[in-house]
Amino acid sequence: QVQLVESGGALVHFGGSLRPSCAAPGFTFADYVWSWYRPTPGKEGESRELVAVFRSADDITYAKDVQGRFAISGDATRNTLFLQMNSLKPEDTAVYYCRARTRDFENIYWGQGTQVVVSS
């Protein structure tokens, strides 16, 4: 059984840093596209916005409002995805979800989320 387990969320002050991680035992890291999502602000239900995508070390995309502050990375030897979050703002407060997608788009897996709270 494959699962994604996030950890590393916490309460941090404005301007602080966190490094949530997503452990993926049972996955072959290179076979997937890895992403971090968070709930879409102001929208009800399960809507989530993309924060960052890791297709490979040379193919990464960030949402505009985290560009330059967040860095996504992966450690294939540990089957773990990371999100280095710097210069945190109160509007970054959210549950952050890890997602793994097969490269053929056939399968998508989500973690349970890790809570990040940024105090002003």
N, C-alpha and C. Protein backbone atom coordinates (compact mmCIF):
# COMPACT_ATOMS: atom_id res chain seq x y z
N GLN A 1 0.84 -1.18 0.00
CA GLN A 1 0.00 0.00 0.00
C GLN A 1 0.89 1.25 0.00
N VAL A 2 0.60 2.15 -0.94
CA VAL A 2 1.40 3.36 -1.01
C VAL A 2 0.68 4.47 -0.27
N GLN A 3 1.45 5.32 0.37
CA GLN A 3 0.86 6.46 1.05
C GLN A 3 1.87 7.57 1.13
N LEU A 4 1.35 8.78 1.28
CA LEU A 4 2.17 9.96 1.44
C LEU A 4 1.94 10.50 2.84
N VAL A 5 3.02 10.80 3.54
CA VAL A 5 2.91 11.27 4.92
C VAL A 5 3.67 12.57 5.07
N GLU A 6 2.91 13.66 5.23
CA GLU A 6 3.54 14.96 5.42
C GLU A 6 3.85 15.19 6.89
N SER A 7 4.84 16.01 7.14
CA SER A 7 5.18 16.44 8.49
C SER A 7 5.95 17.75 8.38
N GLY A 8 6.16 18.39 9.52
CA GLY A 8 6.99 19.58 9.52
C GLY A 8 6.22 20.88 9.58
N GLY A 9 4.90 20.82 9.51
CA GLY A 9 4.14 22.04 9.68
C GLY A 9 4.20 22.51 11.13
N ALA A 10 4.05 23.80 11.34
CA ALA A 10 4.16 24.35 12.69
C ALA A 10 3.65 25.78 12.70
N LEU A 11 3.67 26.37 13.90
CA LEU A 11 3.39 27.79 14.08
C LEU A 11 4.72 28.54 14.00
N VAL A 12 4.75 29.57 13.18
CA VAL A 12 5.98 30.33 13.01
C VAL A 12 5.61 31.81 12.91
N HIS A 13 6.55 32.67 13.26
CA HIS A 13 6.30 34.10 13.18
C HIS A 13 6.51 34.62 11.76
N PHE A 14 5.92 35.76 11.49
CA PHE A 14 6.10 36.44 10.21
C PHE A 14 7.60 36.55 9.90
N GLY A 15 7.96 36.18 8.68
CA GLY A 15 9.34 36.25 8.26
C GLY A 15 10.15 35.00 8.57
N GLY A 16 9.55 34.06 9.27
CA GLY A 16 10.26 32.85 9.64
C GLY A 16 10.34 31.83 8.52
N SER A 17 10.88 30.67 8.86
CA SER A 17 11.08 29.59 7.88
C SER A 17 10.59 28.26 8.43
N LEU A 18 10.17 27.40 7.51
CA LEU A 18 9.81 26.02 7.82
C LEU A 18 10.24 25.14 6.67
N ARG A 19 10.35 23.86 6.95
CA ARG A 19 10.70 22.91 5.89
C ARG A 19 9.85 21.66 6.02
N PRO A 20 8.59 21.72 5.61
CA PRO A 20 7.77 20.52 5.63
C PRO A 20 8.34 19.45 4.70
N SER A 21 8.04 18.20 5.03
CA SER A 21 8.49 17.10 4.20
C SER A 21 7.33 16.15 3.93
N CYS A 22 7.49 15.35 2.91
CA CYS A 22 6.49 14.38 2.49
C CYS A 22 7.20 13.06 2.25
N ALA A 23 7.02 12.14 3.17
CA ALA A 23 7.63 10.82 3.02
C ALA A 23 6.75 9.94 2.14
N ALA A 24 7.39 9.21 1.24
CA ALA A 24 6.64 8.41 0.27
C ALA A 24 7.16 6.98 0.19
N PRO A 25 7.05 6.22 1.25
CA PRO A 25 7.49 4.83 1.19
C PRO A 25 6.64 4.05 0.20
N GLY A 26 7.26 3.19 -0.54
CA GLY A 26 6.53 2.40 -1.51
C GLY A 26 6.50 3.02 -2.90
N PHE A 27 6.93 4.26 -3.03
CA PHE A 27 6.99 4.93 -4.33
C PHE A 27 8.38 4.79 -4.92
N THR A 28 8.46 4.77 -6.23
CA THR A 28 9.73 4.97 -6.94
C THR A 28 9.75 6.43 -7.35
N PHE A 29 10.55 7.21 -6.67
CA PHE A 29 10.46 8.67 -6.73
C PHE A 29 10.46 9.20 -8.17
N ALA A 30 11.35 8.68 -8.98
CA ALA A 30 11.52 9.20 -10.34
C ALA A 30 10.34 8.90 -11.26
N ASP A 31 9.44 8.03 -10.84
CA ASP A 31 8.30 7.67 -11.68
C ASP A 31 7.13 8.65 -11.55
N TYR A 32 7.27 9.63 -10.69
CA TYR A 32 6.16 10.51 -10.38
C TYR A 32 6.54 11.98 -10.57
N VAL A 33 5.51 12.80 -10.74
CA VAL A 33 5.61 14.25 -10.66
C VAL A 33 5.08 14.64 -9.28
N TRP A 34 5.87 15.43 -8.57
CA TRP A 34 5.58 15.75 -7.17
C TRP A 34 5.17 17.21 -7.03
N SER A 35 4.20 17.44 -6.17
CA SER A 35 3.70 18.80 -6.02
C SER A 35 3.31 19.06 -4.57
N TRP A 36 3.29 20.34 -4.26
CA TRP A 36 2.68 20.82 -3.02
C TRP A 36 1.49 21.70 -3.39
N TYR A 37 0.40 21.52 -2.67
CA TYR A 37 -0.82 22.29 -2.85
C TYR A 37 -1.26 22.85 -1.50
N ARG A 38 -2.12 23.85 -1.58
CA ARG A 38 -2.80 24.35 -0.38
C ARG A 38 -4.21 24.77 -0.79
N PRO A 39 -5.13 24.87 0.15
CA PRO A 39 -6.50 25.25 -0.20
C PRO A 39 -6.53 26.61 -0.89
N THR A 40 -7.42 26.74 -1.84
CA THR A 40 -7.57 28.00 -2.56
C THR A 40 -8.24 29.01 -1.65
N PRO A 41 -7.62 30.15 -1.40
CA PRO A 41 -8.21 31.14 -0.49
C PRO A 41 -9.57 31.62 -0.98
N GLY A 42 -10.51 31.69 -0.08
CA GLY A 42 -11.81 32.24 -0.42
C GLY A 42 -12.74 31.28 -1.13
N LYS A 43 -12.32 30.04 -1.33
CA LYS A 43 -13.17 29.08 -2.03
C LYS A 43 -13.58 27.98 -1.07
N GLU A 44 -14.84 27.59 -1.16
CA GLU A 44 -15.38 26.53 -0.31
C GLU A 44 -14.95 25.18 -0.86
N GLY A 45 -15.08 24.18 0.00
CA GLY A 45 -14.89 22.81 -0.45
C GLY A 45 -13.44 22.41 -0.59
N GLU A 46 -13.17 21.54 -1.55
CA GLU A 46 -11.87 20.90 -1.68
C GLU A 46 -10.96 21.58 -2.68
N SER A 47 -11.29 22.80 -3.10
CA SER A 47 -10.46 23.47 -4.09
C SER A 47 -9.07 23.73 -3.53
N ARG A 48 -8.06 23.39 -4.30
CA ARG A 48 -6.67 23.57 -3.87
C ARG A 48 -5.90 24.26 -4.96
N GLU A 49 -4.97 25.10 -4.55
CA GLU A 49 -4.12 25.79 -5.52
C GLU A 49 -2.72 25.20 -5.48
N LEU A 50 -2.11 25.20 -6.64
CA LEU A 50 -0.76 24.67 -6.77
C LEU A 50 0.24 25.64 -6.15
N VAL A 51 1.15 25.11 -5.36
CA VAL A 51 2.22 25.90 -4.76
C VAL A 51 3.52 25.71 -5.53
N ALA A 52 3.87 24.46 -5.79
CA ALA A 52 5.13 24.16 -6.48
C ALA A 52 5.06 22.76 -7.06
N VAL A 53 5.74 22.57 -8.18
CA VAL A 53 5.80 21.29 -8.87
C VAL A 53 7.25 20.89 -9.09
N PHE A 54 7.55 19.64 -8.79
CA PHE A 54 8.89 19.08 -9.01
C PHE A 54 8.76 17.93 -10.01
N ARG A 55 9.16 18.20 -11.26
CA ARG A 55 9.16 17.14 -12.27
C ARG A 55 10.53 16.45 -12.32
N SER A 56 11.55 17.23 -12.08
CA SER A 56 12.92 16.77 -11.93
C SER A 56 13.67 17.95 -11.33
N ALA A 57 14.95 17.71 -11.00
CA ALA A 57 15.74 18.80 -10.42
C ALA A 57 15.88 19.97 -11.39
N ASP A 58 15.72 19.70 -12.67
CA ASP A 58 15.87 20.75 -13.69
C ASP A 58 14.53 21.25 -14.21
N ASP A 59 13.45 20.80 -13.66
CA ASP A 59 12.13 21.15 -14.17
C ASP A 59 11.20 21.38 -12.99
N ILE A 60 11.18 22.61 -12.53
CA ILE A 60 10.42 23.01 -11.34
C ILE A 60 9.60 24.24 -11.68
N THR A 61 8.39 24.29 -11.13
CA THR A 61 7.52 25.44 -11.34
C THR A 61 6.97 25.89 -9.99
N TYR A 62 6.86 27.20 -9.82
CA TYR A 62 6.31 27.77 -8.59
C TYR A 62 5.11 28.66 -8.91
N ALA A 63 4.20 28.72 -7.95
CA ALA A 63 3.14 29.72 -8.03
C ALA A 63 3.77 31.10 -7.89
N LYS A 64 3.15 32.07 -8.50
CA LYS A 64 3.73 33.42 -8.54
C LYS A 64 3.98 33.98 -7.15
N ASP A 65 3.06 33.75 -6.22
CA ASP A 65 3.20 34.39 -4.91
C ASP A 65 4.16 33.68 -3.97
N VAL A 66 4.76 32.57 -4.39
CA VAL A 66 5.79 31.93 -3.56
C VAL A 66 7.15 31.93 -4.26
N GLN A 67 7.17 32.34 -5.51
CA GLN A 67 8.42 32.39 -6.28
C GLN A 67 9.45 33.23 -5.53
N GLY A 68 10.64 32.67 -5.35
CA GLY A 68 11.70 33.39 -4.67
C GLY A 68 11.70 33.21 -3.16
N ARG A 69 10.61 32.66 -2.61
CA ARG A 69 10.55 32.44 -1.16
C ARG A 69 10.53 30.95 -0.82
N PHE A 70 9.92 30.15 -1.66
CA PHE A 70 9.81 28.70 -1.42
C PHE A 70 10.72 27.96 -2.38
N ALA A 71 11.18 26.79 -1.93
CA ALA A 71 11.98 25.93 -2.80
C ALA A 71 11.55 24.49 -2.60
N ILE A 72 11.14 23.85 -3.69
CA ILE A 72 10.75 22.44 -3.64
C ILE A 72 11.94 21.60 -4.05
N SER A 73 12.10 20.48 -3.38
CA SER A 73 13.20 19.57 -3.71
C SER A 73 12.80 18.15 -3.35
N GLY A 74 13.53 17.21 -3.91
CA GLY A 74 13.24 15.81 -3.65
C GLY A 74 14.51 15.03 -3.41
N ASP A 75 14.42 14.04 -2.55
CA ASP A 75 15.53 13.14 -2.27
C ASP A 75 15.08 11.74 -2.67
N ALA A 76 15.51 11.30 -3.83
CA ALA A 76 15.06 10.00 -4.34
C ALA A 76 15.57 8.84 -3.49
N THR A 77 16.72 9.02 -2.85
CA THR A 77 17.26 7.92 -2.04
C THR A 77 16.42 7.70 -0.78
N ARG A 78 15.74 8.75 -0.34
CA ARG A 78 14.88 8.66 0.85
C ARG A 78 13.40 8.68 0.49
N ASN A 79 13.09 8.78 -0.81
CA ASN A 79 11.69 8.88 -1.25
C ASN A 79 10.97 9.97 -0.46
N THR A 80 11.57 11.13 -0.43
CA THR A 80 11.01 12.22 0.35
C THR A 80 11.02 13.52 -0.44
N LEU A 81 9.92 14.25 -0.35
CA LEU A 81 9.78 15.55 -0.99
C LEU A 81 9.84 16.61 0.11
N PHE A 82 10.43 17.75 -0.22
CA PHE A 82 10.56 18.84 0.75
C PHE A 82 10.00 20.14 0.17
N LEU A 83 9.65 21.03 1.08
CA LEU A 83 9.29 22.38 0.67
C LEU A 83 9.94 23.35 1.65
N GLN A 84 11.03 23.95 1.22
CA GLN A 84 11.68 24.97 2.03
C GLN A 84 10.89 26.26 1.90
N MET A 85 10.37 26.75 3.02
CA MET A 85 9.52 27.94 3.03
C MET A 85 10.24 29.04 3.80
N ASN A 86 10.59 30.09 3.11
CA ASN A 86 11.29 31.22 3.74
C ASN A 86 10.43 32.48 3.64
N SER A 87 10.79 33.46 4.45
CA SER A 87 10.08 34.75 4.44
C SER A 87 8.58 34.55 4.50
N LEU A 88 8.15 33.74 5.44
CA LEU A 88 6.73 33.38 5.52
C LEU A 88 5.87 34.58 5.91
N LYS A 89 4.68 34.59 5.34
CA LYS A 89 3.71 35.66 5.57
C LYS A 89 2.43 35.05 6.16
N PRO A 90 1.64 35.86 6.85
CA PRO A 90 0.37 35.32 7.39
C PRO A 90 -0.51 34.70 6.31
N GLU A 91 -0.47 35.23 5.11
CA GLU A 91 -1.29 34.67 4.03
C GLU A 91 -0.80 33.32 3.55
N ASP A 92 0.36 32.87 4.02
CA ASP A 92 0.82 31.51 3.73
C ASP A 92 0.20 30.48 4.68
N THR A 93 -0.52 30.95 5.68
CA THR A 93 -1.18 30.05 6.62
C THR A 93 -2.15 29.14 5.86
N ALA A 94 -1.97 27.84 6.01
CA ALA A 94 -2.80 26.87 5.29
C ALA A 94 -2.37 25.46 5.67
N VAL A 95 -3.18 24.50 5.29
CA VAL A 95 -2.75 23.11 5.31
C VAL A 95 -2.07 22.84 3.97
N TYR A 96 -0.86 22.31 4.02
CA TYR A 96 -0.10 22.03 2.80
C TYR A 96 -0.16 20.53 2.51
N TYR A 97 -0.55 20.23 1.28
CA TYR A 97 -0.75 18.85 0.86
C TYR A 97 0.30 18.45 -0.17
N CYS A 98 0.82 17.28 0.00
CA CYS A 98 1.73 16.68 -0.95
C CYS A 98 0.92 15.86 -1.95
N ARG A 99 1.30 15.91 -3.21
CA ARG A 99 0.64 15.11 -4.23
C ARG A 99 1.67 14.43 -5.12
N ALA A 100 1.40 13.20 -5.44
CA ALA A 100 2.23 12.45 -6.39
C ALA A 100 1.35 12.03 -7.56
N ARG A 101 1.82 12.28 -8.75
CA ARG A 101 1.07 11.90 -9.96
C ARG A 101 1.98 11.09 -10.86
N THR A 102 1.46 10.00 -11.39
CA THR A 102 2.25 9.25 -12.36
C THR A 102 2.43 10.10 -13.61
N ARG A 103 3.51 9.88 -14.31
CA ARG A 103 3.84 10.73 -15.46
C ARG A 103 2.87 10.53 -16.62
N ASP A 104 2.10 9.44 -16.62
CA ASP A 104 1.09 9.24 -17.65
C ASP A 104 -0.28 9.75 -17.20
N PHE A 105 -0.32 10.43 -16.07
CA PHE A 105 -1.55 11.03 -15.54
C PHE A 105 -2.58 9.99 -15.09
N GLU A 106 -2.21 8.73 -15.01
CA GLU A 106 -3.17 7.69 -14.69
C GLU A 106 -3.55 7.67 -13.21
N ASN A 107 -2.59 7.95 -12.34
CA ASN A 107 -2.84 7.83 -10.90
C ASN A 107 -2.36 9.07 -10.15
N ILE A 108 -3.17 9.45 -9.15
CA ILE A 108 -2.84 10.59 -8.30
C ILE A 108 -3.02 10.18 -6.85
N TYR A 109 -2.06 10.57 -6.05
CA TYR A 109 -2.10 10.25 -4.62
C TYR A 109 -1.91 11.54 -3.82
N TRP A 110 -2.64 11.63 -2.73
CA TRP A 110 -2.56 12.80 -1.86
C TRP A 110 -2.17 12.37 -0.44
N GLY A 111 -1.44 13.24 0.22
CA GLY A 111 -1.19 13.06 1.63
C GLY A 111 -2.30 13.68 2.46
N GLN A 112 -2.17 13.56 3.76
CA GLN A 112 -3.23 14.04 4.66
C GLN A 112 -3.08 15.51 4.99
N GLY A 113 -1.95 16.10 4.66
CA GLY A 113 -1.72 17.51 4.90
C GLY A 113 -0.96 17.79 6.17
N THR A 114 -0.26 18.92 6.17
CA THR A 114 0.45 19.39 7.37
C THR A 114 0.13 20.89 7.53
N GLN A 115 -0.21 21.28 8.75
CA GLN A 115 -0.70 22.63 9.02
C GLN A 115 0.46 23.60 9.23
N VAL A 116 0.42 24.69 8.48
CA VAL A 116 1.38 25.79 8.66
C VAL A 116 0.59 27.02 9.10
N VAL A 117 1.02 27.62 10.20
CA VAL A 117 0.38 28.84 10.69
C VAL A 117 1.46 29.90 10.85
N VAL A 118 1.24 31.05 10.21
CA VAL A 118 2.18 32.15 10.29
C VAL A 118 1.52 33.30 11.04
N SER A 119 2.09 33.65 12.18
CA SER A 119 1.52 34.73 12.98
C SER A 119 2.12 36.07 12.57
N SER A 120 1.30 37.10 12.67
CA SER A 120 1.77 38.44 12.27
C SER A 120 2.42 39.17 13.44
